[in-house]
Amino acid sequence: MTDSDFKNIEDIQRILKYLDQGKLDPSAWPNALQLKESLNKLIDEHKEYMDHMKLHH
C-alpha cells in the first residue's frame, strides 16, 4: 500500500469515529460496520504481508 492508501484509510476511520460519536447520521452510512471490518482485515493482511517480507526476503 502507498502513503495515499494509508491516508485514505485514516480518513475513512475518522468518518467511522464520527459515526460512533453520533456526529454523523448513521442512516446515511448503512454499511459502516462492514466497512470497518473490511478496513481492519485489509490492515491486518498488509501487516502480515510486511512481516512476511521482513522475515523471508
PDB file of N, CA and C in Angstrom:
ATOM      1  N   MET A   1       0.840  -1.170   0.000  1.00  0.00           N
ATOM      2  CA  MET A   1       0.000   0.000   0.000  1.00  0.00           C
ATOM      3  C   MET A   1       0.891   1.240   0.000  1.00  0.00           C
ATOM      4  N   THR A   2       0.361   2.282  -0.568  1.00  0.00           N
ATOM      5  CA  THR A   2       1.106   3.532  -0.662  1.00  0.00           C
ATOM      6  C   THR A   2       0.717   4.472   0.480  1.00  0.00           C
ATOM      7  N   ASP A   3       1.452   5.563   0.598  1.00  0.00           N
ATOM      8  CA  ASP A   3       1.110   6.576   1.599  1.00  0.00           C
ATOM      9  C   ASP A   3      -0.296   7.124   1.361  1.00  0.00           C
ATOM     10  N   SER A   4      -0.663   7.247   0.103  1.00  0.00           N
ATOM     11  CA  SER A   4      -2.001   7.731  -0.238  1.00  0.00           C
ATOM     12  C   SER A   4      -3.074   6.759   0.253  1.00  0.00           C
ATOM     13  N   ASP A   5      -2.806   5.465   0.118  1.00  0.00           N
ATOM     14  CA  ASP A   5      -3.752   4.454   0.607  1.00  0.00           C
ATOM     15  C   ASP A   5      -3.941   4.587   2.115  1.00  0.00           C
ATOM     16  N   PHE A   6      -2.834   4.754   2.838  1.00  0.00           N
ATOM     17  CA  PHE A   6      -2.927   4.901   4.289  1.00  0.00           C
ATOM     18  C   PHE A   6      -3.677   6.176   4.673  1.00  0.00           C
ATOM     19  N   LYS A   7      -3.477   7.249   3.924  1.00  0.00           N
ATOM     20  CA  LYS A   7      -4.213   8.493   4.202  1.00  0.00           C
ATOM     21  C   LYS A   7      -5.704   8.271   3.987  1.00  0.00           C
ATOM     22  N   ASN A   8      -6.067   7.575   2.920  1.00  0.00           N
ATOM     23  CA  ASN A   8      -7.476   7.297   2.656  1.00  0.00           C
ATOM     24  C   ASN A   8      -8.079   6.450   3.775  1.00  0.00           C
ATOM     25  N   ILE A   9      -7.332   5.461   4.248  1.00  0.00           N
ATOM     26  CA  ILE A   9      -7.812   4.619   5.342  1.00  0.00           C
ATOM     27  C   ILE A   9      -8.002   5.453   6.601  1.00  0.00           C
ATOM     28  N   GLU A  10      -7.067   6.342   6.889  1.00  0.00           N
ATOM     29  CA  GLU A  10      -7.200   7.214   8.061  1.00  0.00           C
ATOM     30  C   GLU A  10      -8.442   8.102   7.937  1.00  0.00           C
ATOM     31  N   ASP A  11      -8.701   8.610   6.739  1.00  0.00           N
ATOM     32  CA  ASP A  11      -9.885   9.442   6.522  1.00  0.00           C
ATOM     33  C   ASP A  11     -11.163   8.636   6.765  1.00  0.00           C
ATOM     34  N   ILE A  12     -11.195   7.417   6.274  1.00  0.00           N
ATOM     35  CA  ILE A  12     -12.371   6.566   6.466  1.00  0.00           C
ATOM     36  C   ILE A  12     -12.537   6.226   7.949  1.00  0.00           C
ATOM     37  N   GLN A  13     -11.438   5.937   8.632  1.00  0.00           N
ATOM     38  CA  GLN A  13     -11.518   5.649  10.060  1.00  0.00           C
ATOM     39  C   GLN A  13     -12.027   6.859  10.837  1.00  0.00           C
ATOM     40  N   ARG A  14     -11.665   8.052  10.412  1.00  0.00           N
ATOM     41  CA  ARG A  14     -12.155   9.276  11.057  1.00  0.00           C
ATOM     42  C   ARG A  14     -13.667   9.374  10.876  1.00  0.00           C
ATOM     43  N   ILE A  15     -14.169   9.067   9.690  1.00  0.00           N
ATOM     44  CA  ILE A  15     -15.613   9.080   9.445  1.00  0.00           C
ATOM     45  C   ILE A  15     -16.307   8.071  10.351  1.00  0.00           C
ATOM     46  N   LEU A  16     -15.734   6.880  10.471  1.00  0.00           N
ATOM     47  CA  LEU A  16     -16.330   5.851  11.328  1.00  0.00           C
ATOM     48  C   LEU A  16     -16.345   6.300  12.792  1.00  0.00           C
ATOM     49  N   LYS A  17     -15.294   6.993  13.207  1.00  0.00           N
ATOM     50  CA  LYS A  17     -15.230   7.512  14.578  1.00  0.00           C
ATOM     51  C   LYS A  17     -16.344   8.542  14.785  1.00  0.00           C
ATOM     52  N   TYR A  18     -16.559   9.407  13.809  1.00  0.00           N
ATOM     53  CA  TYR A  18     -17.623  10.404  13.915  1.00  0.00           C
ATOM     54  C   TYR A  18     -18.985   9.735  13.991  1.00  0.00           C
ATOM     55  N   LEU A  19     -19.162   8.641  13.260  1.00  0.00           N
ATOM     56  CA  LEU A  19     -20.416   7.884  13.351  1.00  0.00           C
ATOM     57  C   LEU A  19     -20.611   7.346  14.764  1.00  0.00           C
ATOM     58  N   ASP A  20     -19.567   6.761  15.331  1.00  0.00           N
ATOM     59  CA  ASP A  20     -19.640   6.225  16.695  1.00  0.00           C
ATOM     60  C   ASP A  20     -19.974   7.318  17.704  1.00  0.00           C
ATOM     61  N   GLN A  21     -19.471   8.512  17.478  1.00  0.00           N
ATOM     62  CA  GLN A  21     -19.690   9.620  18.402  1.00  0.00           C
ATOM     63  C   GLN A  21     -21.032  10.325  18.164  1.00  0.00           C
ATOM     64  N   GLY A  22     -21.760   9.893  17.141  1.00  0.00           N
ATOM     65  CA  GLY A  22     -23.063  10.495  16.856  1.00  0.00           C
ATOM     66  C   GLY A  22     -22.981  11.813  16.116  1.00  0.00           C
ATOM     67  N   LYS A  23     -21.828  12.120  15.541  1.00  0.00           N
ATOM     68  CA  LYS A  23     -21.657  13.386  14.822  1.00  0.00           C
ATOM     69  C   LYS A  23     -22.141  13.307  13.373  1.00  0.00           C
ATOM     70  N   LEU A  24     -22.372  12.089  12.892  1.00  0.00           N
ATOM     71  CA  LEU A  24     -22.899  11.890  11.540  1.00  0.00           C
ATOM     72  C   LEU A  24     -24.152  11.030  11.630  1.00  0.00           C
ATOM     73  N   ASP A  25     -25.017  11.174  10.666  1.00  0.00           N
ATOM     74  CA  ASP A  25     -26.269  10.418  10.624  1.00  0.00           C
ATOM     75  C   ASP A  25     -25.989   8.977  10.209  1.00  0.00           C
ATOM     76  N   PRO A  26     -26.201   8.015  11.103  1.00  0.00           N
ATOM     77  CA  PRO A  26     -25.905   6.609  10.766  1.00  0.00           C
ATOM     78  C   PRO A  26     -26.745   6.072   9.612  1.00  0.00           C
ATOM     79  N   SER A  27     -27.926   6.643   9.381  1.00  0.00           N
ATOM     80  CA  SER A  27     -28.754   6.156   8.275  1.00  0.00           C
ATOM     81  C   SER A  27     -28.124   6.483   6.919  1.00  0.00           C
ATOM     82  N   ALA A  28     -27.224   7.454   6.891  1.00  0.00           N
ATOM     83  CA  ALA A  28     -26.518   7.806   5.655  1.00  0.00           C
ATOM     84  C   ALA A  28     -25.345   6.856   5.406  1.00  0.00           C
ATOM     85  N   TRP A  29     -24.999   6.050   6.409  1.00  0.00           N
ATOM     86  CA  TRP A  29     -23.869   5.132   6.322  1.00  0.00           C
ATOM     87  C   TRP A  29     -24.313   3.731   6.741  1.00  0.00           C
ATOM     88  N   PRO A  30     -25.233   3.123   5.999  1.00  0.00           N
ATOM     89  CA  PRO A  30     -25.804   1.836   6.432  1.00  0.00           C
ATOM     90  C   PRO A  30     -24.792   0.682   6.458  1.00  0.00           C
ATOM     91  N   ASN A  31     -23.704   0.794   5.722  1.00  0.00           N
ATOM     92  CA  ASN A  31     -22.720  -0.291   5.670  1.00  0.00           C
ATOM     93  C   ASN A  31     -21.465   0.032   6.465  1.00  0.00           C
ATOM     94  N   ALA A  32     -21.568   0.910   7.440  1.00  0.00           N
ATOM     95  CA  ALA A  32     -20.402   1.358   8.196  1.00  0.00           C
ATOM     96  C   ALA A  32     -19.709   0.211   8.916  1.00  0.00           C
ATOM     97  N   LEU A  33     -20.470  -0.699   9.511  1.00  0.00           N
ATOM     98  CA  LEU A  33     -19.861  -1.816  10.236  1.00  0.00           C
ATOM     99  C   LEU A  33     -19.082  -2.716   9.282  1.00  0.00           C
ATOM    100  N   GLN A  34     -19.661  -3.021   8.122  1.00  0.00           N
ATOM    101  CA  GLN A  34     -18.959  -3.841   7.141  1.00  0.00           C
ATOM    102  C   GLN A  34     -17.707  -3.129   6.644  1.00  0.00           C
ATOM    103  N   LEU A  35     -17.803  -1.827   6.464  1.00  0.00           N
ATOM    104  CA  LEU A  35     -16.642  -1.051   6.029  1.00  0.00           C
ATOM    105  C   LEU A  35     -15.536  -1.116   7.072  1.00  0.00           C
ATOM    106  N   LYS A  36     -15.897  -0.962   8.328  1.00  0.00           N
ATOM    107  CA  LYS A  36     -14.909  -1.020   9.411  1.00  0.00           C
ATOM    108  C   LYS A  36     -14.241  -2.394   9.455  1.00  0.00           C
ATOM    109  N   GLU A  37     -15.035  -3.444   9.342  1.00  0.00           N
ATOM    110  CA  GLU A  37     -14.480  -4.802   9.353  1.00  0.00           C
ATOM    111  C   GLU A  37     -13.556  -5.024   8.161  1.00  0.00           C
ATOM    112  N   SER A  38     -13.947  -4.529   7.008  1.00  0.00           N
ATOM    113  CA  SER A  38     -13.140  -4.671   5.804  1.00  0.00           C
ATOM    114  C   SER A  38     -11.812  -3.929   5.939  1.00  0.00           C
ATOM    115  N   LEU A  39     -11.845  -2.731   6.477  1.00  0.00           N
ATOM    116  CA  LEU A  39     -10.614  -1.969   6.680  1.00  0.00           C
ATOM    117  C   LEU A  39      -9.688  -2.677   7.667  1.00  0.00           C
ATOM    118  N   ASN A  40     -10.256  -3.188   8.751  1.00  0.00           N
ATOM    119  CA  ASN A  40      -9.439  -3.910   9.725  1.00  0.00           C
ATOM    120  C   ASN A  40      -8.784  -5.130   9.092  1.00  0.00           C
ATOM    121  N   LYS A  41      -9.538  -5.846   8.270  1.00  0.00           N
ATOM    122  CA  LYS A  41      -8.987  -7.017   7.588  1.00  0.00           C
ATOM    123  C   LYS A  41      -7.868  -6.602   6.628  1.00  0.00           C
ATOM    124  N   LEU A  42      -8.080  -5.528   5.884  1.00  0.00           N
ATOM    125  CA  LEU A  42      -7.068  -5.032   4.951  1.00  0.00           C
ATOM    126  C   LEU A  42      -5.792  -4.648   5.688  1.00  0.00           C
ATOM    127  N   ILE A  43      -5.926  -3.935   6.788  1.00  0.00           N
ATOM    128  CA  ILE A  43      -4.767  -3.522   7.568  1.00  0.00           C
ATOM    129  C   ILE A  43      -4.040  -4.733   8.136  1.00  0.00           C
ATOM    130  N   ASP A  44      -4.794  -5.704   8.661  1.00  0.00           N
ATOM    131  CA  ASP A  44      -4.181  -6.920   9.205  1.00  0.00           C
ATOM    132  C   ASP A  44      -3.434  -7.704   8.127  1.00  0.00           C
ATOM    133  N   GLU A  45      -4.043  -7.845   6.966  1.00  0.00           N
ATOM    134  CA  GLU A  45      -3.402  -8.577   5.875  1.00  0.00           C
ATOM    135  C   GLU A  45      -2.133  -7.864   5.419  1.00  0.00           C
ATOM    136  N   HIS A  46      -2.180  -6.551   5.356  1.00  0.00           N
ATOM    137  CA  HIS A  46      -0.990  -5.797   4.950  1.00  0.00           C
ATOM    138  C   HIS A  46       0.123  -5.977   5.978  1.00  0.00           C
ATOM    139  N   LYS A  47      -0.241  -5.933   7.256  1.00  0.00           N
ATOM    140  CA  LYS A  47       0.762  -6.114   8.309  1.00  0.00           C
ATOM    141  C   LYS A  47       1.380  -7.509   8.211  1.00  0.00           C
ATOM    142  N   GLU A  48       0.560  -8.531   7.995  1.00  0.00           N
ATOM    143  CA  GLU A  48       1.075  -9.895   7.842  1.00  0.00           C
ATOM    144  C   GLU A  48       2.021  -9.982   6.643  1.00  0.00           C
ATOM    145  N   TYR A  49       1.647  -9.356   5.550  1.00  0.00           N
ATOM    146  CA  TYR A  49       2.476  -9.353   4.349  1.00  0.00           C
ATOM    147  C   TYR A  49       3.819  -8.677   4.620  1.00  0.00           C
ATOM    148  N   MET A  50       3.764  -7.521   5.282  1.00  0.00           N
ATOM    149  CA  MET A  50       5.001  -6.795   5.575  1.00  0.00           C
ATOM    150  C   MET A  50       5.888  -7.591   6.534  1.00  0.00           C
ATOM    151  N   ASP A  51       5.293  -8.235   7.522  1.00  0.00           N
ATOM    152  CA  ASP A  51       6.058  -9.083   8.451  1.00  0.00           C
ATOM    153  C   ASP A  51       6.697 -10.236   7.702  1.00  0.00           C
ATOM    154  N   HIS A  52       5.958 -10.838   6.788  1.00  0.00           N
ATOM    155  CA  HIS A  52       6.474 -11.942   5.975  1.00  0.00           C
ATOM    156  C   HIS A  52       7.663 -11.471   5.133  1.00  0.00           C
ATOM    157  N   MET A  53       7.532 -10.314   4.516  1.00  0.00           N
ATOM    158  CA  MET A  53       8.588  -9.793   3.663  1.00  0.00           C
ATOM    159  C   MET A  53       9.859  -9.509   4.489  1.00  0.00           C
ATOM    160  N   LYS A  54       9.687  -9.026   5.696  1.00  0.00           N
ATOM    161  CA  LYS A  54      10.839  -8.744   6.554  1.00  0.00           C
ATOM    162  C   LYS A  54      11.572 -10.029   6.930  1.00  0.00           C
ATOM    163  N   LEU A  55      10.829 -11.090   7.155  1.00  0.00           N
ATOM    164  CA  LEU A  55      11.421 -12.341   7.606  1.00  0.00           C
ATOM    165  C   LEU A  55      12.033 -13.164   6.475  1.00  0.00           C
ATOM    166  N   HIS A  56      11.441 -13.116   5.313  1.00  0.00           N
ATOM    167  CA  HIS A  56      11.819 -14.044   4.252  1.00  0.00           C
ATOM    168  C   HIS A  56      12.475 -13.429   3.027  1.00  0.00           C
ATOM    169  N   HIS A  57      12.571 -12.125   2.992  1.00  0.00           N
ATOM    170  CA  HIS A  57      13.130 -11.508   1.761  1.00  0.00           C
ATOM    171  C   HIS A  57      14.139 -10.447   2.071  1.00  0.00           C
TER     172      HIS A  57
END
